[in-house]
Amino acid sequence: GLLGGMMMPPGSAWTDDKPADPLDGAPGSFNWERVGEVRHVFTHFALKLDVYRAEAPARAKVEGEWLASADALAALPTVGRKAVALAIGGSGKR
């Protein structure tokens, strides 16, 4: 994929169509809340991501590699940083 090998927040495939259930495949059975959208322009297409967040118990067993917010922001490409910033309370517009 476009960002192959790079860390990204959990998400679905990037397609032109909205999924019937945007939370299908979301990690964990938590109370997911939509917090907005981020937009990012690559050289050959524009991307709009709907961003969701949920709180999980500290010892929740969820697949993936989980990092503290500051560490995660440093490890992500720009589009991932926008999504995480929005999820943790920022504007997502950078």
N, C-alpha and C. Protein backbone atom coordinates (compact mmCIF):
# COMPACT_ATOMS: atom_id res chain seq x y z
N GLY A 1 0.81 -1.19 0.00
CA GLY A 1 0.00 0.00 0.00
C GLY A 1 0.85 1.25 0.00
N LEU A 2 0.19 2.36 -0.05
CA LEU A 2 0.85 3.66 -0.12
C LEU A 2 1.78 3.90 1.08
N LEU A 3 1.33 3.53 2.27
CA LEU A 3 2.13 3.76 3.47
C LEU A 3 2.67 2.44 4.02
N GLY A 4 2.94 1.50 3.15
CA GLY A 4 3.40 0.17 3.55
C GLY A 4 4.59 0.24 4.49
N GLY A 5 4.51 -0.51 5.57
CA GLY A 5 5.60 -0.56 6.53
C GLY A 5 5.59 0.56 7.55
N MET A 6 4.73 1.55 7.37
CA MET A 6 4.67 2.67 8.32
C MET A 6 3.58 2.40 9.36
N MET A 7 3.78 2.91 10.57
CA MET A 7 2.77 2.77 11.60
C MET A 7 1.59 3.69 11.28
N MET A 8 0.40 3.20 11.57
CA MET A 8 -0.82 3.99 11.40
C MET A 8 -1.80 3.58 12.50
N PRO A 9 -2.71 4.48 12.87
CA PRO A 9 -3.77 4.08 13.80
C PRO A 9 -4.60 2.97 13.15
N PRO A 10 -5.33 2.19 13.96
CA PRO A 10 -6.19 1.16 13.37
C PRO A 10 -7.17 1.79 12.39
N GLY A 11 -7.45 1.11 11.31
CA GLY A 11 -8.38 1.65 10.33
C GLY A 11 -8.76 0.62 9.29
N SER A 12 -9.64 1.03 8.42
CA SER A 12 -10.10 0.16 7.34
C SER A 12 -9.37 0.52 6.05
N ALA A 13 -9.66 -0.23 5.00
CA ALA A 13 -9.06 0.05 3.69
C ALA A 13 -9.56 1.40 3.17
N TRP A 14 -8.73 2.09 2.44
CA TRP A 14 -9.11 3.36 1.83
C TRP A 14 -9.81 3.07 0.51
N THR A 15 -11.10 3.39 0.44
CA THR A 15 -11.87 3.16 -0.78
C THR A 15 -12.71 4.38 -1.08
N ASP A 16 -13.30 4.41 -2.27
CA ASP A 16 -14.19 5.51 -2.63
C ASP A 16 -15.54 5.40 -1.94
N ASP A 17 -15.92 4.19 -1.52
CA ASP A 17 -17.23 3.96 -0.91
C ASP A 17 -17.13 3.92 0.61
N LYS A 18 -18.13 4.51 1.27
CA LYS A 18 -18.20 4.41 2.72
C LYS A 18 -18.65 3.01 3.09
N PRO A 19 -18.07 2.42 4.12
CA PRO A 19 -18.50 1.08 4.53
C PRO A 19 -19.90 1.13 5.16
N ALA A 20 -20.64 0.02 5.03
CA ALA A 20 -21.97 -0.05 5.64
C ALA A 20 -21.87 0.14 7.15
N ASP A 21 -20.86 -0.47 7.77
CA ASP A 21 -20.62 -0.32 9.20
C ASP A 21 -19.19 0.16 9.38
N PRO A 22 -18.99 1.45 9.66
CA PRO A 22 -17.63 1.98 9.76
C PRO A 22 -16.82 1.36 10.89
N LEU A 23 -17.47 0.72 11.84
CA LEU A 23 -16.74 0.13 12.96
C LEU A 23 -16.49 -1.36 12.77
N ASP A 24 -16.88 -1.91 11.62
CA ASP A 24 -16.61 -3.32 11.34
C ASP A 24 -15.10 -3.53 11.33
N GLY A 25 -14.63 -4.39 12.18
CA GLY A 25 -13.19 -4.64 12.27
C GLY A 25 -12.46 -3.72 13.23
N ALA A 26 -13.18 -2.84 13.93
CA ALA A 26 -12.53 -1.96 14.90
C ALA A 26 -11.92 -2.81 16.02
N PRO A 27 -10.76 -2.42 16.53
CA PRO A 27 -10.15 -3.22 17.59
C PRO A 27 -10.94 -3.10 18.89
N GLY A 28 -11.28 -4.22 19.48
CA GLY A 28 -11.97 -4.23 20.77
C GLY A 28 -13.44 -3.91 20.67
N SER A 29 -14.17 -4.34 21.66
CA SER A 29 -15.61 -4.07 21.75
C SER A 29 -15.83 -2.93 22.73
N PHE A 30 -15.47 -1.75 22.31
CA PHE A 30 -15.56 -0.58 23.18
C PHE A 30 -16.66 0.36 22.68
N ASN A 31 -16.92 1.39 23.43
CA ASN A 31 -17.92 2.39 23.06
C ASN A 31 -17.27 3.42 22.14
N TRP A 32 -17.21 3.11 20.84
CA TRP A 32 -16.56 3.98 19.86
C TRP A 32 -17.42 5.22 19.59
N GLU A 33 -16.77 6.36 19.51
CA GLU A 33 -17.45 7.65 19.28
C GLU A 33 -16.78 8.35 18.09
N ARG A 34 -17.59 8.80 17.14
CA ARG A 34 -17.04 9.55 16.00
C ARG A 34 -16.68 10.95 16.48
N VAL A 35 -15.45 11.38 16.20
CA VAL A 35 -15.00 12.69 16.66
C VAL A 35 -14.78 13.68 15.53
N GLY A 36 -14.94 13.23 14.29
CA GLY A 36 -14.79 14.15 13.17
C GLY A 36 -14.07 13.50 12.01
N GLU A 37 -13.51 14.34 11.16
CA GLU A 37 -12.80 13.83 9.99
C GLU A 37 -11.52 14.62 9.78
N VAL A 38 -10.58 13.98 9.16
CA VAL A 38 -9.36 14.66 8.74
C VAL A 38 -9.24 14.51 7.23
N ARG A 39 -8.63 15.49 6.62
CA ARG A 39 -8.39 15.46 5.18
C ARG A 39 -6.89 15.57 4.96
N HIS A 40 -6.44 14.83 3.97
CA HIS A 40 -5.02 14.86 3.63
C HIS A 40 -4.89 14.70 2.13
N VAL A 41 -4.01 15.48 1.53
CA VAL A 41 -3.82 15.42 0.08
C VAL A 41 -2.46 14.79 -0.22
N PHE A 42 -2.50 13.70 -0.95
CA PHE A 42 -1.29 13.07 -1.47
C PHE A 42 -1.05 13.64 -2.87
N THR A 43 0.01 13.27 -3.51
CA THR A 43 0.31 13.84 -4.83
C THR A 43 -0.73 13.47 -5.88
N HIS A 44 -1.39 12.34 -5.73
CA HIS A 44 -2.32 11.88 -6.77
C HIS A 44 -3.75 11.67 -6.30
N PHE A 45 -4.08 11.94 -5.05
CA PHE A 45 -5.46 11.86 -4.60
C PHE A 45 -5.64 12.55 -3.25
N ALA A 46 -6.89 12.91 -2.96
CA ALA A 46 -7.25 13.50 -1.68
C ALA A 46 -7.95 12.43 -0.84
N LEU A 47 -7.66 12.41 0.44
CA LEU A 47 -8.21 11.41 1.35
C LEU A 47 -9.00 12.10 2.44
N LYS A 48 -10.16 11.55 2.76
CA LYS A 48 -10.95 12.02 3.90
C LYS A 48 -11.14 10.82 4.82
N LEU A 49 -10.71 10.95 6.07
CA LEU A 49 -10.85 9.87 7.05
C LEU A 49 -11.84 10.27 8.14
N ASP A 50 -12.81 9.41 8.41
CA ASP A 50 -13.67 9.59 9.58
C ASP A 50 -12.89 9.03 10.77
N VAL A 51 -12.82 9.80 11.84
CA VAL A 51 -12.01 9.41 13.00
C VAL A 51 -12.93 9.08 14.18
N TYR A 52 -12.65 7.94 14.79
CA TYR A 52 -13.38 7.47 15.96
C TYR A 52 -12.39 7.28 17.10
N ARG A 53 -12.91 7.35 18.33
CA ARG A 53 -12.07 7.05 19.49
C ARG A 53 -12.90 6.29 20.51
N ALA A 54 -12.19 5.62 21.40
CA ALA A 54 -12.83 4.88 22.49
C ALA A 54 -11.84 4.80 23.64
N GLU A 55 -12.36 4.71 24.85
CA GLU A 55 -11.50 4.48 26.00
C GLU A 55 -11.54 3.00 26.31
N ALA A 56 -10.39 2.46 26.66
CA ALA A 56 -10.28 1.05 26.98
C ALA A 56 -9.60 0.90 28.33
N PRO A 57 -9.93 -0.16 29.05
CA PRO A 57 -9.23 -0.40 30.31
C PRO A 57 -7.72 -0.55 30.06
N ALA A 58 -6.92 -0.18 31.02
CA ALA A 58 -5.46 -0.21 30.86
C ALA A 58 -4.95 -1.60 30.47
N ARG A 59 -5.59 -2.63 30.92
CA ARG A 59 -5.12 -3.99 30.64
C ARG A 59 -5.95 -4.69 29.57
N ALA A 60 -6.61 -3.94 28.73
CA ALA A 60 -7.42 -4.53 27.67
C ALA A 60 -6.53 -5.31 26.70
N LYS A 61 -7.01 -6.46 26.27
CA LYS A 61 -6.28 -7.29 25.29
C LYS A 61 -6.78 -6.91 23.90
N VAL A 62 -6.03 -6.10 23.21
CA VAL A 62 -6.42 -5.64 21.88
C VAL A 62 -5.23 -5.85 20.95
N GLU A 63 -5.52 -6.39 19.76
CA GLU A 63 -4.47 -6.64 18.78
C GLU A 63 -3.79 -5.35 18.34
N GLY A 64 -2.54 -5.44 17.99
CA GLY A 64 -1.82 -4.28 17.47
C GLY A 64 -0.72 -3.85 18.40
N GLU A 65 0.01 -2.85 17.98
CA GLU A 65 1.07 -2.27 18.80
C GLU A 65 0.55 -0.94 19.33
N TRP A 66 0.50 -0.80 20.64
CA TRP A 66 -0.09 0.38 21.26
C TRP A 66 1.00 1.19 21.94
N LEU A 67 0.98 2.49 21.70
CA LEU A 67 2.00 3.39 22.22
C LEU A 67 1.36 4.54 22.98
N ALA A 68 2.14 5.16 23.86
CA ALA A 68 1.68 6.39 24.52
C ALA A 68 1.48 7.45 23.44
N SER A 69 0.59 8.38 23.68
CA SER A 69 0.24 9.38 22.66
C SER A 69 1.45 10.10 22.08
N ALA A 70 2.35 10.58 22.93
CA ALA A 70 3.50 11.34 22.43
C ALA A 70 4.39 10.46 21.55
N ASP A 71 4.60 9.20 21.97
CA ASP A 71 5.41 8.28 21.18
C ASP A 71 4.73 7.97 19.85
N ALA A 72 3.43 7.79 19.89
CA ALA A 72 2.68 7.46 18.67
C ALA A 72 2.77 8.60 17.66
N LEU A 73 2.63 9.82 18.12
CA LEU A 73 2.68 10.95 17.19
C LEU A 73 4.02 11.03 16.47
N ALA A 74 5.09 10.76 17.18
CA ALA A 74 6.41 10.83 16.57
C ALA A 74 6.63 9.72 15.54
N ALA A 75 5.95 8.58 15.69
CA ALA A 75 6.16 7.43 14.82
C ALA A 75 5.29 7.42 13.57
N LEU A 76 4.32 8.31 13.49
CA LEU A 76 3.33 8.26 12.41
C LEU A 76 3.64 9.19 11.25
N PRO A 77 3.19 8.83 10.04
CA PRO A 77 3.25 9.78 8.93
C PRO A 77 2.23 10.89 9.19
N THR A 78 2.29 11.96 8.44
CA THR A 78 1.44 13.13 8.67
C THR A 78 -0.04 12.80 8.75
N VAL A 79 -0.57 12.00 7.85
CA VAL A 79 -1.99 11.67 7.87
C VAL A 79 -2.36 10.94 9.17
N GLY A 80 -1.50 10.08 9.67
CA GLY A 80 -1.74 9.40 10.93
C GLY A 80 -1.70 10.35 12.11
N ARG A 81 -0.75 11.30 12.09
CA ARG A 81 -0.68 12.30 13.16
C ARG A 81 -1.94 13.15 13.20
N LYS A 82 -2.47 13.51 12.04
CA LYS A 82 -3.72 14.28 12.00
C LYS A 82 -4.85 13.51 12.66
N ALA A 83 -4.97 12.22 12.36
CA ALA A 83 -6.05 11.41 12.93
C ALA A 83 -5.89 11.27 14.44
N VAL A 84 -4.68 11.00 14.91
CA VAL A 84 -4.45 10.85 16.35
C VAL A 84 -4.67 12.17 17.06
N ALA A 85 -4.21 13.27 16.49
CA ALA A 85 -4.41 14.58 17.12
C ALA A 85 -5.89 14.87 17.29
N LEU A 86 -6.69 14.55 16.30
CA LEU A 86 -8.14 14.75 16.41
C LEU A 86 -8.72 13.83 17.47
N ALA A 87 -8.29 12.59 17.49
CA ALA A 87 -8.84 11.62 18.44
C ALA A 87 -8.52 11.99 19.89
N ILE A 88 -7.37 12.62 20.13
CA ILE A 88 -7.02 12.97 21.51
C ILE A 88 -7.40 14.41 21.86
N GLY A 89 -8.14 15.05 20.97
CA GLY A 89 -8.70 16.34 21.34
C GLY A 89 -8.22 17.54 20.56
N GLY A 90 -7.33 17.34 19.59
CA GLY A 90 -6.87 18.45 18.78
C GLY A 90 -7.81 18.69 17.61
N SER A 91 -7.40 19.53 16.71
CA SER A 91 -8.25 19.86 15.57
C SER A 91 -8.08 18.90 14.41
N GLY A 92 -6.93 18.24 14.31
CA GLY A 92 -6.68 17.37 13.17
C GLY A 92 -6.34 18.13 11.91
N LYS A 93 -6.30 19.46 11.97
CA LYS A 93 -6.02 20.27 10.78
C LYS A 93 -4.60 20.81 10.86
N ARG A 94 -3.69 20.16 10.17
CA ARG A 94 -2.29 20.58 10.16
C ARG A 94 -1.81 20.56 8.74
